[in-house]
């Protein structure tokens, strides 16, 4: 099997764990009238934080847990975040 399909299987096999920040962003979007699906799963099995499938618009909330800190240098995306982008 190729590496991409291996990563895709591992990536889509995990249950979403929404953060407090993600819930806060979703609530703010609701307050301004941006109706959306929370933790929307695409036909390919990807979980999007917030999405309007009918408009093909999605929002991903990448808080601190999406990045790696490297000895005082600028944080870099972790593998899961990099794969999704």
N, C-alpha and C. Protein backbone atom coordinates (compact mmCIF):
# COMPACT_ATOMS: atom_id res chain seq x y z
N UNK A 1 0.85 -1.19 0.00
CA UNK A 1 0.00 0.00 0.00
C UNK A 1 0.88 1.24 0.00
N UNK A 2 0.40 2.29 -0.68
CA UNK A 2 1.22 3.49 -0.71
C UNK A 2 1.07 4.28 0.58
N UNK A 3 2.02 5.16 0.82
CA UNK A 3 2.07 5.89 2.08
C UNK A 3 0.84 6.78 2.27
N UNK A 4 0.37 7.40 1.20
CA UNK A 4 -0.80 8.29 1.31
C UNK A 4 -2.01 7.53 1.82
N UNK A 5 -2.28 6.36 1.27
CA UNK A 5 -3.45 5.59 1.71
C UNK A 5 -3.28 5.11 3.15
N UNK A 6 -2.05 4.79 3.53
CA UNK A 6 -1.78 4.38 4.92
C UNK A 6 -2.10 5.53 5.88
N UNK A 7 -1.61 6.74 5.55
CA UNK A 7 -1.88 7.90 6.39
C UNK A 7 -3.37 8.25 6.41
N UNK A 8 -4.02 8.16 5.25
CA UNK A 8 -5.45 8.46 5.18
C UNK A 8 -6.24 7.52 6.08
N UNK A 9 -5.90 6.24 6.07
CA UNK A 9 -6.59 5.27 6.92
C UNK A 9 -6.40 5.61 8.40
N UNK A 10 -5.18 5.93 8.78
CA UNK A 10 -4.90 6.29 10.18
C UNK A 10 -5.59 7.59 10.56
N UNK A 11 -5.61 8.53 9.64
CA UNK A 11 -6.19 9.85 9.91
C UNK A 11 -7.70 9.78 10.07
N UNK A 12 -8.38 9.04 9.21
CA UNK A 12 -9.84 8.99 9.24
C UNK A 12 -10.37 8.02 10.29
N UNK A 13 -9.51 7.22 10.89
CA UNK A 13 -9.96 6.24 11.87
C UNK A 13 -10.10 6.79 13.28
N UNK A 14 -9.81 8.07 13.47
CA UNK A 14 -9.85 8.65 14.81
C UNK A 14 -11.14 9.44 15.03
N UNK A 15 -11.65 9.35 16.25
CA UNK A 15 -12.83 10.14 16.62
C UNK A 15 -12.41 11.59 16.84
N UNK A 16 -13.23 12.54 16.38
CA UNK A 16 -12.92 13.95 16.62
C UNK A 16 -12.97 14.29 18.11
N UNK A 17 -12.09 15.19 18.52
CA UNK A 17 -12.07 15.67 19.91
C UNK A 17 -12.08 17.20 19.87
N UNK A 18 -13.26 17.79 19.74
CA UNK A 18 -13.34 19.25 19.64
C UNK A 18 -12.81 19.94 20.89
N UNK A 19 -12.05 21.00 20.68
CA UNK A 19 -11.50 21.78 21.79
C UNK A 19 -12.50 22.83 22.26
N UNK A 20 -12.22 23.42 23.40
CA UNK A 20 -13.05 24.51 23.90
C UNK A 20 -12.99 25.68 22.92
N UNK A 21 -11.81 25.95 22.36
CA UNK A 21 -11.66 27.01 21.36
C UNK A 21 -12.58 26.74 20.17
N UNK A 22 -12.61 25.51 19.70
CA UNK A 22 -13.47 25.14 18.56
C UNK A 22 -14.94 25.38 18.90
N UNK A 23 -15.36 24.99 20.09
CA UNK A 23 -16.75 25.23 20.51
C UNK A 23 -17.04 26.73 20.57
N UNK A 24 -16.08 27.52 21.07
CA UNK A 24 -16.27 28.96 21.16
C UNK A 24 -16.38 29.61 19.78
N UNK A 25 -15.56 29.17 18.85
CA UNK A 25 -15.63 29.69 17.48
C UNK A 25 -16.97 29.32 16.85
N UNK A 26 -17.41 28.09 17.03
CA UNK A 26 -18.70 27.65 16.48
C UNK A 26 -19.84 28.48 17.05
N UNK A 27 -19.80 28.75 18.35
CA UNK A 27 -20.84 29.57 18.99
C UNK A 27 -20.84 30.99 18.43
N UNK A 28 -19.64 31.55 18.23
CA UNK A 28 -19.55 32.91 17.67
C UNK A 28 -20.10 32.94 16.24
N UNK A 29 -19.80 31.91 15.46
CA UNK A 29 -20.32 31.85 14.10
C UNK A 29 -21.85 31.74 14.10
N UNK A 30 -22.39 30.97 15.02
CA UNK A 30 -23.85 30.87 15.14
C UNK A 30 -24.46 32.23 15.49
N UNK A 31 -23.80 32.97 16.40
CA UNK A 31 -24.32 34.28 16.81
C UNK A 31 -24.39 35.26 15.64
N UNK A 32 -23.45 35.16 14.70
CA UNK A 32 -23.47 36.09 13.57
C UNK A 32 -24.27 35.53 12.39
N UNK A 33 -24.90 34.38 12.60
CA UNK A 33 -25.80 33.84 11.58
C UNK A 33 -25.15 32.92 10.56
N UNK A 34 -23.93 32.46 10.82
CA UNK A 34 -23.30 31.52 9.89
C UNK A 34 -23.65 30.11 10.34
N UNK A 35 -24.78 29.62 9.81
CA UNK A 35 -25.24 28.28 10.18
C UNK A 35 -24.33 27.23 9.55
N UNK A 36 -23.98 26.22 10.32
CA UNK A 36 -23.02 25.24 9.86
C UNK A 36 -23.22 23.91 10.56
N UNK A 37 -22.57 22.90 10.00
CA UNK A 37 -22.50 21.58 10.64
C UNK A 37 -21.22 21.54 11.45
N UNK A 38 -21.32 21.05 12.68
CA UNK A 38 -20.16 20.95 13.58
C UNK A 38 -19.57 19.56 13.42
N UNK A 39 -18.26 19.47 13.25
CA UNK A 39 -17.57 18.19 13.02
C UNK A 39 -18.21 17.45 11.84
N UNK A 40 -18.28 18.12 10.73
CA UNK A 40 -18.85 17.54 9.51
C UNK A 40 -17.89 16.51 8.91
N UNK A 41 -18.39 15.33 8.61
CA UNK A 41 -17.57 14.30 7.98
C UNK A 41 -17.81 14.27 6.48
N UNK A 42 -16.73 14.43 5.72
CA UNK A 42 -16.83 14.43 4.25
C UNK A 42 -17.04 13.00 3.76
N UNK A 43 -17.47 12.85 2.51
CA UNK A 43 -17.62 11.49 1.95
C UNK A 43 -16.31 10.69 1.98
N UNK A 44 -15.16 11.41 1.97
CA UNK A 44 -13.87 10.73 2.02
C UNK A 44 -13.47 10.32 3.43
N UNK A 45 -14.24 10.76 4.44
CA UNK A 45 -13.96 10.39 5.81
C UNK A 45 -13.23 11.43 6.63
N UNK A 46 -12.97 12.61 6.05
CA UNK A 46 -12.31 13.68 6.79
C UNK A 46 -13.31 14.39 7.69
N UNK A 47 -12.87 14.80 8.85
CA UNK A 47 -13.72 15.55 9.76
C UNK A 47 -13.33 17.03 9.67
N UNK A 48 -14.29 17.87 9.32
CA UNK A 48 -14.06 19.32 9.25
C UNK A 48 -14.67 19.94 10.49
N UNK A 49 -13.97 20.88 11.12
CA UNK A 49 -14.45 21.47 12.36
C UNK A 49 -15.83 22.08 12.19
N UNK A 50 -16.00 22.93 11.20
CA UNK A 50 -17.29 23.55 10.89
C UNK A 50 -17.42 23.61 9.38
N UNK A 51 -18.58 23.30 8.87
CA UNK A 51 -18.73 23.30 7.41
C UNK A 51 -20.15 23.63 6.99
N UNK A 52 -20.24 24.22 5.82
CA UNK A 52 -21.50 24.40 5.11
C UNK A 52 -21.35 23.60 3.82
N UNK A 53 -21.71 22.32 3.85
CA UNK A 53 -21.50 21.47 2.67
C UNK A 53 -22.16 22.02 1.40
N UNK A 54 -23.31 22.65 1.56
CA UNK A 54 -24.02 23.15 0.39
C UNK A 54 -23.28 24.30 -0.31
N UNK A 55 -22.46 25.03 0.43
CA UNK A 55 -21.67 26.12 -0.17
C UNK A 55 -20.21 25.72 -0.35
N UNK A 56 -19.87 24.51 0.08
CA UNK A 56 -18.49 23.99 0.02
C UNK A 56 -17.53 24.93 0.75
N UNK A 57 -17.96 25.39 1.91
CA UNK A 57 -17.15 26.27 2.74
C UNK A 57 -16.92 25.58 4.09
N UNK A 58 -15.68 25.64 4.57
CA UNK A 58 -15.36 25.00 5.84
C UNK A 58 -14.39 25.87 6.62
N UNK A 59 -14.41 25.71 7.94
CA UNK A 59 -13.49 26.41 8.83
C UNK A 59 -12.82 25.38 9.72
N UNK A 60 -11.51 25.44 9.77
CA UNK A 60 -10.72 24.60 10.66
C UNK A 60 -10.14 25.50 11.74
N UNK A 61 -10.27 25.10 12.98
CA UNK A 61 -9.73 25.86 14.10
C UNK A 61 -8.44 25.16 14.54
N UNK A 62 -7.32 25.79 14.24
CA UNK A 62 -6.02 25.20 14.56
C UNK A 62 -5.41 25.91 15.75
N UNK A 63 -5.77 25.45 16.94
CA UNK A 63 -5.22 25.99 18.17
C UNK A 63 -3.84 25.44 18.45
N UNK A 64 -3.33 25.67 19.64
CA UNK A 64 -1.96 25.27 19.99
C UNK A 64 -1.66 23.78 19.83
N UNK A 65 -2.66 22.92 19.99
CA UNK A 65 -2.40 21.48 19.90
C UNK A 65 -2.09 21.03 18.47
N UNK A 66 -2.29 21.90 17.49
CA UNK A 66 -2.01 21.56 16.10
C UNK A 66 -0.56 21.85 15.70
N UNK A 67 0.23 22.34 16.64
CA UNK A 67 1.60 22.76 16.31
C UNK A 67 2.62 22.15 17.26
N UNK A 68 3.84 22.04 16.78
CA UNK A 68 4.97 21.55 17.57
C UNK A 68 5.89 22.72 17.87
N UNK A 69 6.39 22.80 19.09
CA UNK A 69 7.35 23.84 19.46
C UNK A 69 8.75 23.26 19.33
N UNK A 70 9.62 24.01 18.71
CA UNK A 70 10.97 23.51 18.45
C UNK A 70 12.01 24.45 19.04
N UNK A 71 12.38 24.24 20.29
CA UNK A 71 13.48 24.96 20.94
C UNK A 71 13.44 26.48 20.71
N UNK A 72 12.33 27.09 20.95
CA UNK A 72 12.22 28.53 20.84
C UNK A 72 12.03 29.06 19.43
N UNK A 73 12.11 28.19 18.44
CA UNK A 73 11.87 28.63 17.06
C UNK A 73 10.37 28.71 16.81
N UNK A 74 10.03 29.23 15.65
CA UNK A 74 8.62 29.35 15.26
C UNK A 74 7.96 27.97 15.27
N UNK A 75 6.77 27.85 15.88
CA UNK A 75 6.08 26.54 15.89
C UNK A 75 5.80 26.05 14.47
N UNK A 76 5.84 24.74 14.29
CA UNK A 76 5.52 24.14 12.99
C UNK A 76 4.31 23.23 13.16
N UNK A 77 3.60 22.99 12.06
CA UNK A 77 2.42 22.13 12.10
C UNK A 77 2.81 20.72 12.49
N UNK A 78 1.94 20.08 13.29
CA UNK A 78 2.19 18.67 13.57
C UNK A 78 1.76 17.84 12.33
N UNK A 79 2.05 16.57 12.34
CA UNK A 79 1.78 15.73 11.17
C UNK A 79 0.32 15.69 10.77
N UNK A 80 -0.57 15.59 11.73
CA UNK A 80 -2.01 15.52 11.44
C UNK A 80 -2.49 16.80 10.76
N UNK A 81 -2.04 17.95 11.27
CA UNK A 81 -2.44 19.24 10.68
C UNK A 81 -1.85 19.40 9.30
N UNK A 82 -0.59 19.05 9.14
CA UNK A 82 0.08 19.17 7.84
C UNK A 82 -0.61 18.28 6.80
N UNK A 83 -1.00 17.06 7.18
CA UNK A 83 -1.66 16.15 6.26
C UNK A 83 -2.99 16.72 5.79
N UNK A 84 -3.69 17.39 6.67
CA UNK A 84 -5.02 17.90 6.37
C UNK A 84 -4.97 19.14 5.48
N UNK A 85 -3.85 19.86 5.49
CA UNK A 85 -3.79 21.11 4.72
C UNK A 85 -3.35 20.94 3.31
